[in-house]
Amino acid sequence: MSEKGQVVIPKDVRDSLGLNPGQQFEVLQAGGDIVLRPTGRTTGKSVAEVMADLRARVRYEGPAIPIEQLSWSPDFDEDGLSA
């Protein structure tokens, strides 16, 4: 992070998500993490295309995991409330 608080999003991530110069983001805090959520975005890609790009980058070779066993952050309890 620069002295001005600027961060660089790697090119492969920008390309995968269809991010372009000038893209604005909503900045969220989730537990100890920072989440950047693109706002007002028009990438020209469909959700299916973006998901296919992400799947090509992130591979999970293990067994299927039921949605009930997934959590977004270890800082959340079983009700989804911040601990």
N, C-alpha and C. Protein backbone atom coordinates (compact mmCIF):
# COMPACT_ATOMS: atom_id res chain seq x y z
N MET A 1 0.86 -1.17 0.00
CA MET A 1 0.00 0.00 0.00
C MET A 1 0.91 1.23 0.00
N SER A 2 0.55 2.21 -0.82
CA SER A 2 1.35 3.44 -0.90
C SER A 2 1.08 4.33 0.32
N GLU A 3 1.87 5.39 0.46
CA GLU A 3 1.66 6.34 1.55
C GLU A 3 0.30 7.00 1.48
N LYS A 4 -0.28 7.08 0.27
CA LYS A 4 -1.61 7.67 0.08
C LYS A 4 -2.73 6.66 0.30
N GLY A 5 -2.37 5.40 0.62
CA GLY A 5 -3.38 4.37 0.82
C GLY A 5 -3.82 3.70 -0.46
N GLN A 6 -3.07 3.89 -1.53
CA GLN A 6 -3.42 3.28 -2.82
C GLN A 6 -2.89 1.85 -2.88
N VAL A 7 -3.67 0.98 -3.51
CA VAL A 7 -3.26 -0.41 -3.72
C VAL A 7 -3.35 -0.73 -5.21
N VAL A 8 -2.58 -1.71 -5.65
CA VAL A 8 -2.60 -2.14 -7.04
C VAL A 8 -3.28 -3.49 -7.11
N ILE A 9 -4.29 -3.59 -7.96
CA ILE A 9 -4.96 -4.87 -8.20
C ILE A 9 -4.21 -5.54 -9.35
N PRO A 10 -3.69 -6.76 -9.15
CA PRO A 10 -2.91 -7.42 -10.19
C PRO A 10 -3.67 -7.50 -11.52
N LYS A 11 -2.93 -7.39 -12.62
CA LYS A 11 -3.51 -7.36 -13.95
C LYS A 11 -4.36 -8.59 -14.23
N ASP A 12 -3.90 -9.78 -13.83
CA ASP A 12 -4.69 -10.98 -14.12
C ASP A 12 -6.04 -10.94 -13.41
N VAL A 13 -6.09 -10.35 -12.22
CA VAL A 13 -7.36 -10.22 -11.49
C VAL A 13 -8.24 -9.19 -12.19
N ARG A 14 -7.67 -8.04 -12.58
CA ARG A 14 -8.43 -7.02 -13.30
C ARG A 14 -9.01 -7.59 -14.59
N ASP A 15 -8.19 -8.32 -15.33
CA ASP A 15 -8.65 -8.91 -16.59
C ASP A 15 -9.75 -9.94 -16.34
N SER A 16 -9.55 -10.79 -15.34
CA SER A 16 -10.53 -11.84 -15.04
C SER A 16 -11.89 -11.26 -14.67
N LEU A 17 -11.89 -10.14 -13.95
CA LEU A 17 -13.13 -9.53 -13.49
C LEU A 17 -13.64 -8.45 -14.44
N GLY A 18 -12.89 -8.18 -15.49
CA GLY A 18 -13.32 -7.18 -16.46
C GLY A 18 -13.27 -5.77 -15.90
N LEU A 19 -12.31 -5.49 -15.02
CA LEU A 19 -12.18 -4.16 -14.43
C LEU A 19 -11.40 -3.25 -15.36
N ASN A 20 -11.84 -2.02 -15.49
CA ASN A 20 -11.22 -1.05 -16.38
C ASN A 20 -10.78 0.17 -15.61
N PRO A 21 -9.81 0.95 -16.17
CA PRO A 21 -9.39 2.18 -15.50
C PRO A 21 -10.60 3.07 -15.19
N GLY A 22 -10.58 3.69 -14.02
CA GLY A 22 -11.68 4.55 -13.61
C GLY A 22 -12.75 3.82 -12.81
N GLN A 23 -12.65 2.49 -12.74
CA GLN A 23 -13.63 1.70 -11.97
C GLN A 23 -13.66 2.21 -10.53
N GLN A 24 -14.84 2.40 -10.00
CA GLN A 24 -14.98 2.80 -8.60
C GLN A 24 -15.39 1.58 -7.78
N PHE A 25 -15.03 1.63 -6.48
CA PHE A 25 -15.30 0.51 -5.58
C PHE A 25 -15.94 0.99 -4.30
N GLU A 26 -16.77 0.15 -3.75
CA GLU A 26 -17.27 0.32 -2.39
C GLU A 26 -16.26 -0.41 -1.51
N VAL A 27 -15.80 0.21 -0.43
CA VAL A 27 -14.81 -0.39 0.46
C VAL A 27 -15.54 -0.84 1.72
N LEU A 28 -15.45 -2.14 2.01
CA LEU A 28 -16.13 -2.72 3.15
C LEU A 28 -15.13 -3.37 4.09
N GLN A 29 -15.45 -3.39 5.37
CA GLN A 29 -14.64 -4.11 6.34
C GLN A 29 -15.43 -5.32 6.78
N ALA A 30 -14.84 -6.50 6.67
CA ALA A 30 -15.47 -7.74 7.08
C ALA A 30 -14.52 -8.44 8.06
N GLY A 31 -14.79 -8.26 9.35
CA GLY A 31 -13.86 -8.79 10.34
C GLY A 31 -12.53 -8.07 10.18
N GLY A 32 -11.46 -8.83 9.98
CA GLY A 32 -10.14 -8.24 9.78
C GLY A 32 -9.78 -8.08 8.33
N ASP A 33 -10.75 -8.28 7.42
CA ASP A 33 -10.49 -8.20 5.99
C ASP A 33 -11.05 -6.91 5.39
N ILE A 34 -10.46 -6.50 4.28
CA ILE A 34 -10.97 -5.38 3.49
C ILE A 34 -11.53 -5.97 2.21
N VAL A 35 -12.76 -5.60 1.87
CA VAL A 35 -13.42 -6.10 0.66
C VAL A 35 -13.66 -4.92 -0.26
N LEU A 36 -13.23 -5.05 -1.51
CA LEU A 36 -13.50 -4.04 -2.54
C LEU A 36 -14.61 -4.57 -3.42
N ARG A 37 -15.72 -3.86 -3.48
CA ARG A 37 -16.86 -4.28 -4.30
C ARG A 37 -17.05 -3.25 -5.41
N PRO A 38 -16.89 -3.68 -6.67
CA PRO A 38 -17.07 -2.74 -7.78
C PRO A 38 -18.48 -2.14 -7.75
N THR A 39 -18.58 -0.85 -8.06
CA THR A 39 -19.87 -0.17 -8.11
C THR A 39 -20.14 0.31 -9.53
N GLY A 40 -21.40 0.34 -9.92
CA GLY A 40 -21.79 0.88 -11.21
C GLY A 40 -21.01 0.30 -12.36
N ARG A 41 -20.74 -0.95 -12.29
CA ARG A 41 -19.82 -1.59 -13.23
C ARG A 41 -20.56 -2.12 -14.46
N THR A 42 -20.01 -1.87 -15.61
CA THR A 42 -20.47 -2.49 -16.85
C THR A 42 -19.25 -3.07 -17.54
N THR A 43 -19.06 -4.36 -17.42
CA THR A 43 -17.86 -5.00 -17.94
C THR A 43 -18.05 -5.50 -19.36
N GLY A 44 -19.30 -5.65 -19.78
CA GLY A 44 -19.52 -6.26 -21.07
C GLY A 44 -19.52 -7.78 -20.99
N LYS A 45 -19.18 -8.32 -19.81
CA LYS A 45 -19.18 -9.77 -19.62
C LYS A 45 -20.43 -10.17 -18.85
N SER A 46 -20.94 -11.33 -19.19
CA SER A 46 -22.08 -11.86 -18.44
C SER A 46 -21.57 -12.44 -17.12
N VAL A 47 -22.48 -12.68 -16.20
CA VAL A 47 -22.12 -13.30 -14.93
C VAL A 47 -21.47 -14.66 -15.19
N ALA A 48 -22.02 -15.41 -16.14
CA ALA A 48 -21.47 -16.72 -16.47
C ALA A 48 -20.02 -16.61 -16.97
N GLU A 49 -19.74 -15.58 -17.77
CA GLU A 49 -18.37 -15.39 -18.27
C GLU A 49 -17.41 -15.02 -17.14
N VAL A 50 -17.85 -14.15 -16.25
CA VAL A 50 -17.01 -13.77 -15.11
C VAL A 50 -16.77 -14.99 -14.22
N MET A 51 -17.81 -15.77 -13.95
CA MET A 51 -17.66 -16.97 -13.12
C MET A 51 -16.73 -17.97 -13.79
N ALA A 52 -16.83 -18.15 -15.09
CA ALA A 52 -15.95 -19.07 -15.81
C ALA A 52 -14.50 -18.60 -15.69
N ASP A 53 -14.27 -17.29 -15.78
CA ASP A 53 -12.92 -16.74 -15.60
C ASP A 53 -12.40 -17.06 -14.21
N LEU A 54 -13.24 -16.87 -13.20
CA LEU A 54 -12.83 -17.15 -11.83
C LEU A 54 -12.55 -18.64 -11.63
N ARG A 55 -13.41 -19.48 -12.16
CA ARG A 55 -13.21 -20.93 -12.01
C ARG A 55 -11.91 -21.37 -12.68
N ALA A 56 -11.54 -20.72 -13.77
CA ALA A 56 -10.30 -21.06 -14.46
C ALA A 56 -9.09 -20.68 -13.61
N ARG A 57 -9.24 -19.67 -12.76
CA ARG A 57 -8.14 -19.22 -11.90
C ARG A 57 -8.05 -19.97 -10.60
N VAL A 58 -9.19 -20.35 -10.03
CA VAL A 58 -9.22 -20.99 -8.72
C VAL A 58 -9.74 -22.42 -8.89
N ARG A 59 -8.88 -23.36 -8.59
CA ARG A 59 -9.28 -24.76 -8.76
C ARG A 59 -9.42 -25.43 -7.40
N TYR A 60 -10.52 -26.12 -7.20
CA TYR A 60 -10.74 -26.91 -6.00
C TYR A 60 -10.94 -28.34 -6.43
N GLU A 61 -10.03 -29.21 -6.03
CA GLU A 61 -10.05 -30.61 -6.47
C GLU A 61 -10.72 -31.53 -5.46
N GLY A 62 -11.14 -31.01 -4.32
CA GLY A 62 -11.70 -31.85 -3.28
C GLY A 62 -13.17 -32.17 -3.51
N PRO A 63 -13.80 -32.83 -2.53
CA PRO A 63 -15.22 -33.17 -2.65
C PRO A 63 -16.10 -31.93 -2.54
N ALA A 64 -17.33 -32.05 -3.01
CA ALA A 64 -18.29 -30.95 -2.90
C ALA A 64 -18.52 -30.63 -1.42
N ILE A 65 -18.68 -29.34 -1.12
CA ILE A 65 -18.91 -28.90 0.26
C ILE A 65 -20.32 -28.33 0.34
N PRO A 66 -21.17 -28.89 1.21
CA PRO A 66 -22.53 -28.35 1.35
C PRO A 66 -22.50 -26.89 1.76
N ILE A 67 -23.40 -26.10 1.23
CA ILE A 67 -23.46 -24.66 1.50
C ILE A 67 -23.55 -24.36 3.00
N GLU A 68 -24.18 -25.25 3.76
CA GLU A 68 -24.32 -25.04 5.20
C GLU A 68 -22.97 -25.06 5.91
N GLN A 69 -21.96 -25.68 5.30
CA GLN A 69 -20.65 -25.77 5.93
C GLN A 69 -19.71 -24.63 5.51
N LEU A 70 -20.15 -23.79 4.58
CA LEU A 70 -19.33 -22.68 4.13
C LEU A 70 -19.55 -21.47 5.02
N SER A 71 -18.50 -20.68 5.23
CA SER A 71 -18.64 -19.42 5.94
C SER A 71 -17.76 -18.39 5.25
N TRP A 72 -18.15 -17.13 5.32
CA TRP A 72 -17.39 -16.08 4.66
C TRP A 72 -16.20 -15.65 5.48
N SER A 73 -16.29 -15.78 6.78
CA SER A 73 -15.21 -15.30 7.62
C SER A 73 -15.21 -16.09 8.93
N PRO A 74 -14.03 -16.42 9.43
CA PRO A 74 -13.99 -17.11 10.73
C PRO A 74 -14.44 -16.21 11.87
N ASP A 75 -14.63 -14.91 11.59
CA ASP A 75 -15.07 -13.97 12.63
C ASP A 75 -16.59 -13.98 12.82
N PHE A 76 -17.31 -14.82 12.07
CA PHE A 76 -18.75 -14.86 12.18
C PHE A 76 -19.18 -16.12 12.91
N ASP A 77 -20.21 -16.00 13.75
CA ASP A 77 -20.71 -17.17 14.46
C ASP A 77 -21.72 -17.91 13.57
N GLU A 78 -22.32 -18.96 14.10
CA GLU A 78 -23.22 -19.79 13.29
C GLU A 78 -24.47 -19.06 12.81
N ASP A 79 -24.81 -17.93 13.43
CA ASP A 79 -25.95 -17.12 12.99
C ASP A 79 -25.54 -16.08 11.97
N GLY A 80 -24.23 -16.04 11.61
CA GLY A 80 -23.76 -15.08 10.63
C GLY A 80 -23.50 -13.70 11.21
N LEU A 81 -23.48 -13.62 12.56
CA LEU A 81 -23.24 -12.35 13.21
C LEU A 81 -21.78 -12.23 13.60
N SER A 82 -21.25 -11.04 13.51
CA SER A 82 -19.85 -10.82 13.86
C SER A 82 -19.62 -11.14 15.32
N ALA A 83 -18.57 -11.89 15.58
CA ALA A 83 -18.28 -12.32 16.96
C ALA A 83 -17.65 -11.20 17.77
